Protein backbone atom coordinates (compact mmCIF):
# COMPACT_ATOMS: atom_id res chain seq x y z
CA UNK A 1 61.62 -20.68 42.48
CA UNK A 2 62.21 -24.12 43.96
CA UNK A 3 62.26 -25.19 47.63
CA UNK A 4 63.07 -28.44 49.42
CA UNK A 5 61.05 -30.16 52.03
CA UNK A 6 63.95 -29.43 54.47
CA UNK A 7 63.80 -25.73 53.78
CA UNK A 8 59.98 -25.63 54.01
CA UNK A 9 60.01 -27.52 57.28
CA UNK A 10 62.53 -25.08 58.78
CA UNK A 11 60.46 -22.10 57.72
CA UNK A 12 57.23 -23.71 59.35
CA UNK A 13 58.91 -25.38 62.31
CA UNK A 14 57.70 -28.70 60.95
CA UNK A 15 58.97 -32.20 60.85
CA UNK A 16 59.92 -34.01 57.56
CA UNK A 17 58.70 -37.56 57.02
CA UNK A 18 60.37 -38.81 53.93
CA UNK A 19 63.00 -37.40 51.78
CA UNK A 20 64.14 -34.00 52.99
CA UNK A 21 65.58 -33.17 49.65
CA UNK A 22 62.21 -33.49 47.82
CA UNK A 23 61.78 -30.29 45.82
CA UNK A 24 58.64 -28.32 44.76
CA UNK A 25 58.07 -25.22 42.81
CA UNK A 26 54.24 -24.87 42.68
CA UNK A 27 51.07 -25.52 44.71
CA UNK A 28 48.14 -27.86 43.92
CA UNK A 29 45.05 -29.18 45.72
CA UNK A 30 45.58 -32.67 47.06
CA UNK A 31 43.03 -34.16 44.73
CA UNK A 32 44.73 -32.57 41.65
CA UNK A 33 48.37 -33.04 42.72
CA UNK A 34 51.16 -33.26 40.27
CA UNK A 35 54.93 -33.87 40.62
CA UNK A 36 56.80 -30.93 41.77
CA UNK A 37 53.77 -29.44 43.62
CA UNK A 38 53.01 -28.89 47.35
CA UNK A 39 49.47 -29.80 48.66
CA UNK A 40 48.03 -29.79 52.18
CA UNK A 41 45.65 -32.05 54.19
CA UNK A 42 43.64 -30.34 56.88
CA UNK A 43 40.11 -31.80 56.42
CA UNK A 44 39.80 -35.52 57.33
CA UNK A 45 37.23 -35.91 54.55
CA UNK A 46 40.08 -35.59 52.09
CA UNK A 47 42.40 -38.17 53.77
CA UNK A 48 41.89 -40.78 51.00
CA UNK A 49 43.48 -38.42 48.48
CA UNK A 50 46.77 -38.55 50.32
CA UNK A 51 47.30 -42.10 49.13
CA UNK A 52 46.63 -41.28 45.54
CA UNK A 53 48.09 -37.76 45.08
CA UNK A 54 50.97 -37.19 42.71
CA UNK A 55 52.07 -34.14 44.73
CA UNK A 56 55.79 -34.25 45.91
CA UNK A 57 55.11 -32.79 49.34
CA UNK A 58 51.99 -32.65 51.48
CA UNK A 59 51.49 -30.61 54.70
CA UNK A 60 49.61 -32.59 57.48
CA UNK A 61 48.78 -31.81 61.10
CA UNK A 62 51.36 -32.91 63.48
CA UNK A 63 49.00 -35.57 65.06
CA UNK A 64 48.18 -37.18 61.61
CA UNK A 65 49.30 -40.86 61.21
CA UNK A 66 48.73 -42.40 57.76
CA UNK A 67 46.89 -45.63 57.63
CA UNK A 68 49.03 -47.08 54.67
CA UNK A 69 52.17 -46.18 52.86
CA UNK A 70 52.37 -42.77 51.30
CA UNK A 71 54.32 -41.78 48.16
CA UNK A 72 54.61 -38.03 48.95
CA UNK A 73 57.06 -36.60 51.46
CA UNK A 74 55.18 -35.26 54.51
CA UNK A 75 55.68 -32.32 56.50
CA UNK A 76 54.08 -32.28 59.91
CA UNK A 77 53.03 -28.87 61.25
CA UNK A 78 50.87 -27.65 64.13
CA UNK A 79 48.20 -26.49 61.73
CA UNK A 80 48.32 -27.48 58.05
CA UNK A 81 45.71 -24.95 56.98
CA UNK A 82 47.55 -22.05 58.56
CA UNK A 83 50.85 -23.28 57.33
CA UNK A 84 49.84 -23.33 53.67
CA UNK A 85 48.33 -19.86 54.13
CA UNK A 86 51.76 -18.66 55.20
CA UNK A 87 53.44 -20.31 52.34
CA UNK A 88 51.00 -18.82 49.82
CA UNK A 89 51.66 -15.34 51.25
CA UNK A 90 55.36 -15.72 50.90
CA UNK A 91 54.90 -17.01 47.35
CA UNK A 92 52.66 -14.10 46.51
CA UNK A 93 55.20 -11.62 47.90
CA UNK A 94 57.81 -13.07 45.42
CA UNK A 95 55.72 -11.96 42.49
CA UNK A 96 57.12 -8.70 41.09
CA UNK A 97 54.79 -5.78 41.67
CA UNK A 98 53.75 -3.47 38.96
CA UNK A 99 55.33 -0.04 38.79
CA UNK A 100 54.84 3.16 36.98
CA UNK A 101 52.01 5.49 36.05
CA UNK A 102 50.03 4.46 32.89
CA UNK A 103 49.74 7.37 30.46
CA UNK A 104 45.92 7.25 30.65
CA UNK A 105 45.77 7.62 34.27
CA UNK A 106 44.55 11.05 35.61
CA UNK A 107 46.23 12.41 38.67
CA UNK A 108 45.34 15.88 39.96
CA UNK A 109 48.14 18.29 40.51
CA UNK A 110 47.44 18.58 44.24
CA UNK A 111 47.47 14.82 44.67
CA UNK A 112 50.53 13.14 46.41
CA UNK A 113 51.44 9.64 45.25
CA UNK A 114 54.21 7.83 47.17
CA UNK A 115 57.26 6.03 45.89
CA UNK A 116 57.11 2.73 44.02
CA UNK A 117 53.41 2.86 43.24
CA UNK A 118 51.55 1.56 40.24
CA UNK A 119 48.66 3.55 38.77
CA UNK A 120 46.93 1.61 36.03
CA UNK A 121 44.96 2.61 32.88
CA UNK A 122 42.23 5.17 33.24
CA UNK A 123 42.58 5.36 36.99
CA UNK A 124 41.70 8.66 38.59
CA UNK A 125 43.20 10.28 41.70
CA UNK A 126 41.52 13.48 42.68
CA UNK A 127 42.45 16.83 44.19
CA UNK A 128 44.19 16.66 47.54
CA UNK A 129 44.36 12.84 47.64
CA UNK A 130 47.35 11.33 49.44
CA UNK A 131 48.48 7.77 48.57
CA UNK A 132 51.33 6.20 50.51
CA UNK A 133 54.26 4.26 49.03
CA UNK A 134 54.13 0.77 47.42
CA UNK A 135 50.54 0.99 46.47
CA UNK A 136 49.02 -1.00 43.46
CA UNK A 137 46.06 0.91 41.91
CA UNK A 138 44.75 -1.03 38.92
CA UNK A 139 42.68 0.05 35.92
CA UNK A 140 39.61 2.23 36.33
CA UNK A 141 40.01 2.84 40.11
CA UNK A 142 38.54 6.07 41.34
CA UNK A 143 39.91 7.89 44.35
CA UNK A 144 37.96 11.08 45.01
CA UNK A 145 38.96 14.42 46.40
CA UNK A 146 40.53 14.51 49.86
CA UNK A 147 40.76 10.79 50.40
CA UNK A 148 43.78 9.33 52.19
CA UNK A 149 45.41 5.88 51.38
CA UNK A 150 48.21 4.33 53.45
CA UNK A 151 51.17 2.27 52.28
CA UNK A 152 51.28 -1.07 50.38
CA UNK A 153 47.56 -0.97 49.69
CA UNK A 154 46.19 -3.03 46.65
CA UNK A 155 43.08 -1.87 44.76
CA UNK A 156 41.83 -4.14 41.93
CA UNK A 157 40.05 -2.78 38.82
CA UNK A 158 36.93 -0.76 39.35
CA UNK A 159 37.32 0.18 43.04
CA UNK A 160 35.65 3.47 44.04
CA UNK A 161 36.70 5.52 47.06
CA UNK A 162 34.59 8.57 47.66
CA UNK A 163 35.71 11.91 48.87
CA UNK A 164 37.26 12.27 52.22
CA UNK A 165 37.49 8.67 53.16
CA UNK A 166 40.54 7.22 54.90
CA UNK A 167 42.22 3.97 54.05
CA UNK A 168 45.04 2.38 56.27
CA UNK A 169 48.10 0.46 55.48
CA UNK A 170 48.13 -2.85 53.64
CA UNK A 171 44.43 -2.75 52.68
CA UNK A 172 43.18 -4.93 49.85
CA UNK A 173 40.02 -3.95 48.01
CA UNK A 174 38.70 -6.25 45.24
CA UNK A 175 36.91 -5.25 42.18
CA UNK A 176 33.74 -3.33 42.40
CA UNK A 177 34.22 -2.25 46.15
CA UNK A 178 32.64 0.97 46.99
CA UNK A 179 33.96 2.92 50.02
CA UNK A 180 31.96 6.02 51.07
CA UNK A 181 28.81 5.92 49.06
CA UNK A 182 25.89 7.72 50.79
CA UNK A 183 24.25 5.91 53.66
CA UNK A 184 20.48 4.99 53.13
CA UNK A 185 19.04 8.03 54.96
CA UNK A 186 15.60 9.37 54.03
CA UNK A 187 13.01 11.13 56.07
CA UNK A 188 9.28 10.70 55.13
CA UNK A 189 7.70 13.88 53.97
CA UNK A 190 4.28 14.94 52.71
CA UNK A 191 5.18 14.33 49.09
CA UNK A 192 7.61 11.48 49.39
CA UNK A 193 10.98 11.07 51.04
CA UNK A 194 13.54 13.88 51.73
CA UNK A 195 17.11 12.76 51.45
CA UNK A 196 19.22 13.26 54.71
CA UNK A 197 22.68 14.47 53.64
CA UNK A 198 25.50 12.13 54.61
CA UNK A 199 28.36 14.33 55.53
CA UNK A 200 30.56 11.90 57.33
CA UNK A 201 33.32 9.55 55.94
CA UNK A 202 34.46 5.91 56.14
CA UNK A 203 37.57 4.88 57.97
CA UNK A 204 39.24 1.50 56.96
CA UNK A 205 42.17 0.66 59.31
CA UNK A 206 45.21 -1.41 58.66
CA UNK A 207 45.33 -4.99 57.26
CA UNK A 208 41.74 -5.08 56.15
CA UNK A 209 40.65 -7.13 52.99
CA UNK A 210 37.28 -6.45 51.42
CA UNK A 211 35.83 -8.80 48.77
CA UNK A 212 34.32 -7.87 45.44
CA UNK A 213 31.15 -5.72 45.10
CA UNK A 214 31.05 -5.08 48.85
CA UNK A 215 29.94 -1.58 50.06
CA UNK A 216 30.83 0.37 53.01
CA UNK A 217 28.63 3.51 53.30
CA UNK A 218 29.68 6.89 54.72
CA UNK A 219 28.17 8.05 57.96
CA UNK A 220 25.53 10.75 58.35
CA UNK A 221 27.98 12.47 60.61
CA UNK A 222 31.31 11.22 62.11
CA UNK A 223 32.58 8.02 60.52
CA UNK A 224 31.63 4.51 59.59
CA UNK A 225 34.67 2.43 60.77
CA UNK A 226 36.11 -0.90 59.92
CA UNK A 227 38.78 -1.74 62.35
CA UNK A 228 42.15 -3.39 61.72
CA UNK A 229 42.40 -6.86 60.45
CA UNK A 230 38.73 -7.26 59.41
CA UNK A 231 38.01 -9.58 56.53
CA UNK A 232 34.80 -9.02 54.45
CA UNK A 233 33.62 -11.42 51.73
CA UNK A 234 31.90 -10.47 48.51
CA UNK A 235 28.55 -8.62 48.44
CA UNK A 236 28.66 -7.43 52.09
CA UNK A 237 26.83 -4.31 53.01
CA UNK A 238 27.97 -2.07 55.85
CA UNK A 239 25.48 0.72 56.39
CA UNK A 240 26.12 4.24 57.69
CA UNK A 241 27.62 4.83 61.14
CA UNK A 242 28.38 1.15 61.77
CA UNK A 243 31.48 -0.05 63.44
CA UNK A 244 33.08 -3.53 62.76
CA UNK A 245 35.51 -4.61 65.47
CA UNK A 246 38.99 -5.75 64.75
CA UNK A 247 39.59 -9.26 63.21
CA UNK A 248 35.94 -9.85 62.64
CA UNK A 249 35.09 -11.93 59.46
CA UNK A 250 31.88 -11.76 57.47
CA UNK A 251 30.84 -14.27 54.75
CA UNK A 252 29.05 -13.24 51.50
CA UNK A 253 25.84 -11.26 51.60
CA UNK A 254 26.02 -10.36 55.26
CA UNK A 255 24.12 -7.03 55.82
CA UNK A 256 24.44 -4.51 58.71
CA UNK A 257 21.69 -1.85 59.04
CA UNK A 258 22.57 1.62 60.17
CA UNK A 259 24.54 2.27 63.54
CA UNK A 260 25.02 -1.45 64.27
CA UNK A 261 28.31 -2.22 66.18
CA UNK A 262 29.93 -5.49 65.80
CA UNK A 263 32.63 -6.53 68.38
CA UNK A 264 36.15 -8.05 67.90
CA UNK A 265 36.92 -11.50 66.56
CA UNK A 266 33.34 -12.17 65.63
CA UNK A 267 32.42 -14.65 62.78
CA UNK A 268 29.36 -14.01 60.69
CA UNK A 269 28.02 -16.66 58.30
CA UNK A 270 26.68 -16.04 54.84
CA UNK A 271 23.51 -13.91 54.44
CA UNK A 272 23.29 -13.05 58.21
CA UNK A 273 21.51 -9.77 58.77
CA UNK A 274 21.57 -7.32 61.71
CA UNK A 275 19.00 -4.84 62.65
CA UNK A 276 20.01 -1.27 63.17
CA UNK A 277 21.18 0.43 66.34
CA UNK A 278 22.16 -2.89 68.02
CA UNK A 279 25.54 -3.96 69.74
CA UNK A 280 27.02 -7.36 69.26
CA UNK A 281 29.79 -8.28 71.77
CA UNK A 282 33.20 -9.69 71.06
CA UNK A 283 33.82 -13.33 69.95
CA UNK A 284 30.39 -14.01 68.81
CA UNK A 285 29.34 -16.60 66.30
CA UNK A 286 26.51 -15.72 63.91
CA UNK A 287 25.18 -18.55 61.86
CA UNK A 288 24.31 -18.33 58.20
CA UNK A 289 21.01 -16.54 57.38
CA UNK A 290 20.63 -15.53 61.00
CA UNK A 291 18.51 -12.56 61.73
CA UNK A 292 19.98 -10.67 64.73
CA UNK A 293 17.34 -8.32 66.11
CA UNK A 294 18.74 -7.26 69.52
CA UNK A 295 22.04 -6.86 71.35
CA UNK A 296 24.30 -9.91 71.99
CA UNK A 297 26.75 -10.34 74.84
CA UNK A 298 30.28 -11.49 74.42
CA UNK A 299 30.83 -15.10 73.31
CA UNK A 300 27.21 -15.58 72.18
CA UNK A 301 26.31 -18.13 69.51
CA UNK A 302 23.10 -17.73 67.44
CA UNK A 303 21.38 -19.02 64.37
CA UNK A 304 18.01 -18.74 62.91
CA UNK A 305 15.61 -15.75 62.24
CA UNK A 306 14.99 -14.28 64.78
CA UNK A 307 18.42 -15.49 65.93
CA UNK A 308 18.36 -17.88 68.96
CA UNK A 309 20.65 -20.37 70.64
CA UNK A 310 21.81 -23.02 68.23
CA UNK A 311 20.64 -25.97 70.27
CA UNK A 312 17.12 -24.43 70.51
CA UNK A 313 17.08 -23.76 66.86
CA UNK A 314 17.93 -27.30 65.94
CA UNK A 315 15.40 -28.69 68.32
CA UNK A 316 12.85 -26.35 66.85
CA UNK A 317 13.83 -27.41 63.30
CA UNK A 318 13.23 -30.98 64.21
CA UNK A 319 9.73 -30.20 65.51
CA UNK A 320 9.04 -28.04 62.49
CA UNK A 321 9.48 -31.01 60.11
CA UNK A 322 6.92 -32.95 62.16
CA UNK A 323 4.18 -30.25 62.17
CA UNK A 324 2.03 -31.70 59.36
CA UNK A 325 1.87 -35.08 61.23
CA UNK A 326 1.19 -33.28 64.54
CA UNK A 327 -1.60 -31.26 62.93
CA UNK A 328 -3.21 -34.40 61.48
CA UNK A 329 -3.03 -36.07 64.85
CA UNK A 330 -4.59 -33.05 66.58
CA UNK A 331 -7.39 -32.92 64.02
CA UNK A 332 -8.03 -36.59 64.50
CA UNK A 333 -8.30 -36.18 68.34
CA UNK A 334 -10.67 -33.24 67.74
CA UNK A 335 -12.85 -35.32 65.45
CA UNK A 336 -13.00 -38.15 67.96
CA UNK A 337 -14.15 -35.75 70.64
CA UNK A 338 -16.77 -34.25 68.41
CA UNK A 339 -15.15 -30.98 67.99
């Protein structure tokens, strides 16, 4: 499908700089641009590619002014990164969805599968499961007894949804995601550890996307809950009885211990870890590899382990690099004083 710069600008409320009839039918990174492709420039570090790219159209921020002539047609928008995300979403929606039930899929007699769904090879849908309309359930997906799935969900190969769990509308689960495995609950006993039964469920609300091999554990009682709009990267661990607030995002290898509550619109960097039974407020920023040991108020920014204010962390890091020299100087002072 082909679109002109004029059409794209109208869709994005943008301004065309160049030929409004320039047409594109594909996307490309600006450094790998080809004729007929659309690229974007959001990071100033990539500005030099603008003057070299072969892409036909480039999205740029509205305040961007080129330093020399540009061959491509430019479309100025408020936020180039957000604009290309919108276009990619529209492009993806034009791709025809799969339909039908593969003959090797196993669907229990008491399960309900909505209209216009696809169920792939060797998928399993258990007793009493309810699946909404327009869902894409790829090969080897397992949805166990009593689980509920909303409309327009996309489950990639190898997703496992345990019994009783609830999935909202427009949820995307990538390969290897496990929803509802037992929480890590064991009580010390005289001869080892006694398992604490995990009889709760997991609730995933609408418009959540969860990356490959991420696990959300079922609660001991009640529900572990991931609220609407949350985006989790690959290899994230959400333990039993946790709560993740709406529109929070977590990078790879973030880990939440049991009963941790994360607020809304938080951003958690890769490998950040959270102690159990703590509460993190709304709009908090957690730096990569931060170790959060205690409650955080709204709008708090932390980094380091144990996590502290970023300014203090970077000051401490500067001192840390000088510790060998400081120790040598201290030993010299002690030697001079006969100690």
